[in-house]
Amino acid sequence: MARTLLGFFAGLIAGAALALAVCVAAGYLFDISQAEGAYAMGVIFFWMPLGGLVGGIIGAIRAFSSRSPH
């Protein structure tokens, strides 16, 4: 159980960081308007939590499935 929880938290952090990196890169590559911080708020309040949640679920599944059968 502890390993699964640790995998969830590691995936949570990695997923949010990856979502932030992709969104920042997309902002520069596709010249997305930064008017009044609307894009940044979308990244912080939608894309990063979504990426963290998906990463946490994937991390928990990987940690659970890689445990040794006892």
PDB file of N, CA and C in Angstrom:
ATOM      1  N   MET A   1       0.825  -1.198   0.000  1.00  0.00           N
ATOM      2  CA  MET A   1       0.000   0.000   0.000  1.00  0.00           C
ATOM      3  C   MET A   1       0.871   1.265   0.000  1.00  0.00           C
ATOM      4  N   ALA A   2       1.925   1.237   0.790  1.00  0.00           N
ATOM      5  CA  ALA A   2       2.797   2.413   0.868  1.00  0.00           C
ATOM      6  C   ALA A   2       3.510   2.650  -0.457  1.00  0.00           C
ATOM      7  N   ARG A   3       3.879   1.566  -1.128  1.00  0.00           N
ATOM      8  CA  ARG A   3       4.553   1.699  -2.421  1.00  0.00           C
ATOM      9  C   ARG A   3       3.608   2.294  -3.464  1.00  0.00           C
ATOM     10  N   THR A   4       2.357   1.899  -3.429  1.00  0.00           N
ATOM     11  CA  THR A   4       1.367   2.440  -4.358  1.00  0.00           C
ATOM     12  C   THR A   4       1.146   3.925  -4.092  1.00  0.00           C
ATOM     13  N   LEU A   5       1.086   4.304  -2.843  1.00  0.00           N
ATOM     14  CA  LEU A   5       0.907   5.709  -2.480  1.00  0.00           C
ATOM     15  C   LEU A   5       2.123   6.533  -2.896  1.00  0.00           C
ATOM     16  N   LEU A   6       3.293   5.987  -2.702  1.00  0.00           N
ATOM     17  CA  LEU A   6       4.512   6.670  -3.128  1.00  0.00           C
ATOM     18  C   LEU A   6       4.541   6.823  -4.655  1.00  0.00           C
ATOM     19  N   GLY A   7       4.120   5.793  -5.362  1.00  0.00           N
ATOM     20  CA  GLY A   7       4.030   5.879  -6.817  1.00  0.00           C
ATOM     21  C   GLY A   7       3.031   6.927  -7.268  1.00  0.00           C
ATOM     22  N   PHE A   8       1.916   7.038  -6.531  1.00  0.00           N
ATOM     23  CA  PHE A   8       0.918   8.060  -6.859  1.00  0.00           C
ATOM     24  C   PHE A   8       1.501   9.460  -6.695  1.00  0.00           C
ATOM     25  N   PHE A   9       2.186   9.705  -5.586  1.00  0.00           N
ATOM     26  CA  PHE A   9       2.742  11.041  -5.348  1.00  0.00           C
ATOM     27  C   PHE A   9       3.874  11.370  -6.321  1.00  0.00           C
ATOM     28  N   ALA A  10       4.690  10.379  -6.662  1.00  0.00           N
ATOM     29  CA  ALA A  10       5.750  10.614  -7.642  1.00  0.00           C
ATOM     30  C   ALA A  10       5.139  10.923  -9.016  1.00  0.00           C
ATOM     31  N   GLY A  11       4.104  10.188  -9.388  1.00  0.00           N
ATOM     32  CA  GLY A  11       3.426  10.451 -10.653  1.00  0.00           C
ATOM     33  C   GLY A  11       2.710  11.789 -10.656  1.00  0.00           C
ATOM     34  N   LEU A  12       2.177  12.171  -9.511  1.00  0.00           N
ATOM     35  CA  LEU A  12       1.504  13.461  -9.377  1.00  0.00           C
ATOM     36  C   LEU A  12       2.467  14.603  -9.674  1.00  0.00           C
ATOM     37  N   ILE A  13       3.634  14.548  -9.072  1.00  0.00           N
ATOM     38  CA  ILE A  13       4.629  15.599  -9.279  1.00  0.00           C
ATOM     39  C   ILE A  13       5.154  15.575 -10.708  1.00  0.00           C
ATOM     40  N   ALA A  14       5.469  14.383 -11.211  1.00  0.00           N
ATOM     41  CA  ALA A  14       6.009  14.275 -12.571  1.00  0.00           C
ATOM     42  C   ALA A  14       4.976  14.701 -13.621  1.00  0.00           C
ATOM     43  N   GLY A  15       3.715  14.327 -13.422  1.00  0.00           N
ATOM     44  CA  GLY A  15       2.674  14.700 -14.372  1.00  0.00           C
ATOM     45  C   GLY A  15       2.428  16.195 -14.406  1.00  0.00           C
ATOM     46  N   ALA A  16       2.419  16.824 -13.245  1.00  0.00           N
ATOM     47  CA  ALA A  16       2.220  18.273 -13.199  1.00  0.00           C
ATOM     48  C   ALA A  16       3.407  19.008 -13.815  1.00  0.00           C
ATOM     49  N   ALA A  17       4.614  18.533 -13.550  1.00  0.00           N
ATOM     50  CA  ALA A  17       5.801  19.164 -14.125  1.00  0.00           C
ATOM     51  C   ALA A  17       5.823  19.010 -15.647  1.00  0.00           C
ATOM     52  N   LEU A  18       5.452  17.832 -16.125  1.00  0.00           N
ATOM     53  CA  LEU A  18       5.411  17.607 -17.569  1.00  0.00           C
ATOM     54  C   LEU A  18       4.338  18.479 -18.229  1.00  0.00           C
ATOM     55  N   ALA A  19       3.182  18.592 -17.598  1.00  0.00           N
ATOM     56  CA  ALA A  19       2.117  19.446 -18.139  1.00  0.00           C
ATOM     57  C   ALA A  19       2.565  20.905 -18.185  1.00  0.00           C
ATOM     58  N   LEU A  20       3.263  21.361 -17.163  1.00  0.00           N
ATOM     59  CA  LEU A  20       3.765  22.737 -17.147  1.00  0.00           C
ATOM     60  C   LEU A  20       4.768  22.956 -18.272  1.00  0.00           C
ATOM     61  N   ALA A  21       5.682  22.006 -18.450  1.00  0.00           N
ATOM     62  CA  ALA A  21       6.688  22.141 -19.497  1.00  0.00           C
ATOM     63  C   ALA A  21       6.055  22.168 -20.883  1.00  0.00           C
ATOM     64  N   VAL A  22       5.080  21.305 -21.107  1.00  0.00           N
ATOM     65  CA  VAL A  22       4.415  21.265 -22.413  1.00  0.00           C
ATOM     66  C   VAL A  22       3.641  22.558 -22.659  1.00  0.00           C
ATOM     67  N   CYS A  23       2.970  23.059 -21.652  1.00  0.00           N
ATOM     68  CA  CYS A  23       2.182  24.291 -21.825  1.00  0.00           C
ATOM     69  C   CYS A  23       3.070  25.511 -22.051  1.00  0.00           C
ATOM     70  N   VAL A  24       4.183  25.592 -21.360  1.00  0.00           N
ATOM     71  CA  VAL A  24       5.101  26.713 -21.572  1.00  0.00           C
ATOM     72  C   VAL A  24       5.692  26.636 -22.984  1.00  0.00           C
ATOM     73  N   ALA A  25       6.081  25.434 -23.399  1.00  0.00           N
ATOM     74  CA  ALA A  25       6.615  25.269 -24.749  1.00  0.00           C
ATOM     75  C   ALA A  25       5.557  25.609 -25.800  1.00  0.00           C
ATOM     76  N   ALA A  26       4.322  25.192 -25.572  1.00  0.00           N
ATOM     77  CA  ALA A  26       3.251  25.487 -26.525  1.00  0.00           C
ATOM     78  C   ALA A  26       2.993  26.985 -26.608  1.00  0.00           C
ATOM     79  N   GLY A  27       3.099  27.679 -25.492  1.00  0.00           N
ATOM     80  CA  GLY A  27       2.902  29.126 -25.489  1.00  0.00           C
ATOM     81  C   GLY A  27       3.898  29.851 -26.372  1.00  0.00           C
ATOM     82  N   TYR A  28       5.132  29.374 -26.361  1.00  0.00           N
ATOM     83  CA  TYR A  28       6.157  30.000 -27.189  1.00  0.00           C
ATOM     84  C   TYR A  28       6.114  29.514 -28.636  1.00  0.00           C
ATOM     85  N   LEU A  29       5.895  28.241 -28.840  1.00  0.00           N
ATOM     86  CA  LEU A  29       5.922  27.690 -30.198  1.00  0.00           C
ATOM     87  C   LEU A  29       4.744  28.146 -31.049  1.00  0.00           C
ATOM     88  N   PHE A  30       3.558  28.219 -30.441  1.00  0.00           N
ATOM     89  CA  PHE A  30       2.356  28.551 -31.198  1.00  0.00           C
ATOM     90  C   PHE A  30       1.911  29.989 -31.004  1.00  0.00           C
ATOM     91  N   ASP A  31       2.753  30.794 -30.349  1.00  0.00           N
ATOM     92  CA  ASP A  31       2.495  32.221 -30.143  1.00  0.00           C
ATOM     93  C   ASP A  31       1.111  32.469 -29.548  1.00  0.00           C
ATOM     94  N   ILE A  32       0.817  31.787 -28.447  1.00  0.00           N
ATOM     95  CA  ILE A  32      -0.466  31.942 -27.761  1.00  0.00           C
ATOM     96  C   ILE A  32      -0.455  33.247 -26.977  1.00  0.00           C
ATOM     97  N   SER A  33      -1.525  34.000 -27.081  1.00  0.00           N
ATOM     98  CA  SER A  33      -1.618  35.295 -26.419  1.00  0.00           C
ATOM     99  C   SER A  33      -1.587  35.140 -24.897  1.00  0.00           C
ATOM    100  N   GLN A  34      -0.835  36.011 -24.245  1.00  0.00           N
ATOM    101  CA  GLN A  34      -0.728  36.003 -22.787  1.00  0.00           C
ATOM    102  C   GLN A  34      -1.536  37.166 -22.187  1.00  0.00           C
ATOM    103  N   ALA A  35      -2.530  37.643 -22.900  1.00  0.00           N
ATOM    104  CA  ALA A  35      -3.295  38.813 -22.478  1.00  0.00           C
ATOM    105  C   ALA A  35      -3.964  38.586 -21.129  1.00  0.00           C
ATOM    106  N   GLU A  36      -3.686  39.461 -20.202  1.00  0.00           N
ATOM    107  CA  GLU A  36      -4.278  39.484 -18.860  1.00  0.00           C
ATOM    108  C   GLU A  36      -4.088  38.182 -18.093  1.00  0.00           C
ATOM    109  N   GLY A  37      -3.121  37.398 -18.463  1.00  0.00           N
ATOM    110  CA  GLY A  37      -2.812  36.177 -17.736  1.00  0.00           C
ATOM    111  C   GLY A  37      -3.796  35.047 -17.930  1.00  0.00           C
ATOM    112  N   ALA A  38      -4.640  35.137 -18.929  1.00  0.00           N
ATOM    113  CA  ALA A  38      -5.663  34.104 -19.136  1.00  0.00           C
ATOM    114  C   ALA A  38      -5.034  32.753 -19.461  1.00  0.00           C
ATOM    115  N   TYR A  39      -4.004  32.738 -20.284  1.00  0.00           N
ATOM    116  CA  TYR A  39      -3.350  31.479 -20.636  1.00  0.00           C
ATOM    117  C   TYR A  39      -2.656  30.873 -19.417  1.00  0.00           C
ATOM    118  N   ALA A  40      -1.978  31.708 -18.650  1.00  0.00           N
ATOM    119  CA  ALA A  40      -1.273  31.216 -17.462  1.00  0.00           C
ATOM    120  C   ALA A  40      -2.249  30.664 -16.434  1.00  0.00           C
ATOM    121  N   MET A  41      -3.396  31.286 -16.280  1.00  0.00           N
ATOM    122  CA  MET A  41      -4.391  30.778 -15.329  1.00  0.00           C
ATOM    123  C   MET A  41      -4.959  29.449 -15.801  1.00  0.00           C
ATOM    124  N   GLY A  42      -5.133  29.296 -17.094  1.00  0.00           N
ATOM    125  CA  GLY A  42      -5.589  28.018 -17.623  1.00  0.00           C
ATOM    126  C   GLY A  42      -4.575  26.919 -17.373  1.00  0.00           C
ATOM    127  N   VAL A  43      -3.308  27.256 -17.502  1.00  0.00           N
ATOM    128  CA  VAL A  43      -2.252  26.278 -17.260  1.00  0.00           C
ATOM    129  C   VAL A  43      -2.227  25.893 -15.781  1.00  0.00           C
ATOM    130  N   ILE A  44      -2.237  26.872 -14.910  1.00  0.00           N
ATOM    131  CA  ILE A  44      -2.104  26.616 -13.469  1.00  0.00           C
ATOM    132  C   ILE A  44      -3.342  25.938 -12.887  1.00  0.00           C
ATOM    133  N   PHE A  45      -4.521  26.359 -13.286  1.00  0.00           N
ATOM    134  CA  PHE A  45      -5.740  25.852 -12.651  1.00  0.00           C
ATOM    135  C   PHE A  45      -6.433  24.714 -13.399  1.00  0.00           C
ATOM    136  N   PHE A  46      -6.006  24.399 -14.629  1.00  0.00           N
ATOM    137  CA  PHE A  46      -6.626  23.288 -15.341  1.00  0.00           C
ATOM    138  C   PHE A  46      -5.612  22.251 -15.803  1.00  0.00           C
ATOM    139  N   TRP A  47      -4.643  22.660 -16.616  1.00  0.00           N
ATOM    140  CA  TRP A  47      -3.746  21.684 -17.234  1.00  0.00           C
ATOM    141  C   TRP A  47      -2.792  21.031 -16.248  1.00  0.00           C
ATOM    142  N   MET A  48      -2.237  21.801 -15.308  1.00  0.00           N
ATOM    143  CA  MET A  48      -1.328  21.184 -14.327  1.00  0.00           C
ATOM    144  C   MET A  48      -2.047  20.212 -13.399  1.00  0.00           C
ATOM    145  N   PRO A  49      -3.208  20.552 -12.836  1.00  0.00           N
ATOM    146  CA  PRO A  49      -3.906  19.548 -12.019  1.00  0.00           C
ATOM    147  C   PRO A  49      -4.338  18.323 -12.818  1.00  0.00           C
ATOM    148  N   LEU A  50      -4.760  18.530 -14.062  1.00  0.00           N
ATOM    149  CA  LEU A  50      -5.143  17.392 -14.903  1.00  0.00           C
ATOM    150  C   LEU A  50      -3.932  16.501 -15.189  1.00  0.00           C
ATOM    151  N   GLY A  51      -2.816  17.106 -15.527  1.00  0.00           N
ATOM    152  CA  GLY A  51      -1.596  16.341 -15.758  1.00  0.00           C
ATOM    153  C   GLY A  51      -1.130  15.632 -14.503  1.00  0.00           C
ATOM    154  N   GLY A  52      -1.259  16.294 -13.362  1.00  0.00           N
ATOM    155  CA  GLY A  52      -0.885  15.661 -12.097  1.00  0.00           C
ATOM    156  C   GLY A  52      -1.773  14.483 -11.758  1.00  0.00           C
ATOM    157  N   LEU A  53      -3.053  14.618 -12.001  1.00  0.00           N
ATOM    158  CA  LEU A  53      -3.988  13.529 -11.706  1.00  0.00           C
ATOM    159  C   LEU A  53      -3.731  12.326 -12.605  1.00  0.00           C
ATOM    160  N   VAL A  54      -3.550  12.576 -13.882  1.00  0.00           N
ATOM    161  CA  VAL A  54      -3.254  11.478 -14.810  1.00  0.00           C
ATOM    162  C   VAL A  54      -1.916  10.831 -14.451  1.00  0.00           C
ATOM    163  N   GLY A  55      -0.908  11.644 -14.159  1.00  0.00           N
ATOM    164  CA  GLY A  55       0.393  11.112 -13.767  1.00  0.00           C
ATOM    165  C   GLY A  55       0.325  10.329 -12.469  1.00  0.00           C
ATOM    166  N   GLY A  56      -0.476  10.800 -11.517  1.00  0.00           N
ATOM    167  CA  GLY A  56      -0.633  10.082 -10.253  1.00  0.00           C
ATOM    168  C   GLY A  56      -1.292   8.732 -10.436  1.00  0.00           C
ATOM    169  N   ILE A  57      -2.296   8.678 -11.276  1.00  0.00           N
ATOM    170  CA  ILE A  57      -2.972   7.401 -11.540  1.00  0.00           C
ATOM    171  C   ILE A  57      -2.021   6.437 -12.238  1.00  0.00           C
ATOM    172  N   ILE A  58      -1.284   6.931 -13.218  1.00  0.00           N
ATOM    173  CA  ILE A  58      -0.323   6.070 -13.916  1.00  0.00           C
ATOM    174  C   ILE A  58       0.770   5.604 -12.966  1.00  0.00           C
ATOM    175  N   GLY A  59       1.263   6.502 -12.114  1.00  0.00           N
ATOM    176  CA  GLY A  59       2.296   6.127 -11.153  1.00  0.00           C
ATOM    177  C   GLY A  59       1.815   5.095 -10.156  1.00  0.00           C
ATOM    178  N   ALA A  60       0.586   5.223  -9.692  1.00  0.00           N
ATOM    179  CA  ALA A  60       0.035   4.248  -8.747  1.00  0.00           C
ATOM    180  C   ALA A  60      -0.161   2.892  -9.406  1.00  0.00           C
ATOM    181  N   ILE A  61      -0.628   2.885 -10.635  1.00  0.00           N
ATOM    182  CA  ILE A  61      -0.814   1.619 -11.353  1.00  0.00           C
ATOM    183  C   ILE A  61       0.527   0.934 -11.590  1.00  0.00           C
ATOM    184  N   ARG A  62       1.525   1.699 -11.997  1.00  0.00           N
ATOM    185  CA  ARG A  62       2.853   1.115 -12.222  1.00  0.00           C
ATOM    186  C   ARG A  62       3.455   0.576 -10.934  1.00  0.00           C
ATOM    187  N   ALA A  63       3.313   1.329  -9.834  1.00  0.00           N
ATOM    188  CA  ALA A  63       3.872   0.872  -8.567  1.00  0.00           C
ATOM    189  C   ALA A  63       3.137  -0.366  -8.062  1.00  0.00           C
ATOM    190  N   PHE A  64       1.834  -0.419  -8.252  1.00  0.00           N
ATOM    191  CA  PHE A  64       1.048  -1.573  -7.799  1.00  0.00           C
ATOM    192  C   PHE A  64       1.357  -2.815  -8.625  1.00  0.00           C
ATOM    193  N   SER A  65       1.506  -2.626  -9.934  1.00  0.00           N
ATOM    194  CA  SER A  65       1.724  -3.789 -10.793  1.00  0.00           C
ATOM    195  C   SER A  65       3.159  -4.312 -10.742  1.00  0.00           C
ATOM    196  N   SER A  66       4.108  -3.497 -10.301  1.00  0.00           N
ATOM    197  CA  SER A  66       5.494  -3.939 -10.260  1.00  0.00           C
ATOM    198  C   SER A  66       5.898  -4.544  -8.917  1.00  0.00           C
ATOM    199  N   ARG A  67       4.973  -4.648  -7.992  1.00  0.00           N
ATOM    200  CA  ARG A  67       5.318  -5.211  -6.682  1.00  0.00           C
ATOM    201  C   ARG A  67       5.484  -6.729  -6.787  1.00  0.00           C
ATOM    202  N   SER A  68       6.267  -7.262  -5.899  1.00  0.00           N
ATOM    203  CA  SER A  68       6.525  -8.710  -5.950  1.00  0.00           C
ATOM    204  C   SER A  68       5.347  -9.466  -5.325  1.00  0.00           C
ATOM    205  N   PRO A  69       4.946 -10.573  -5.935  1.00  0.00           N
ATOM    206  CA  PRO A  69       3.799 -11.342  -5.398  1.00  0.00           C
ATOM    207  C   PRO A  69       4.219 -12.148  -4.176  1.00  0.00           C
ATOM    208  N   HIS A  70       3.610 -11.864  -3.047  1.00  0.00           N
ATOM    209  CA  HIS A  70       3.888 -12.613  -1.802  1.00  0.00           C
ATOM    210  C   HIS A  70       2.619 -13.139  -1.242  1.00  0.00           C
TER     211      HIS A  70
END
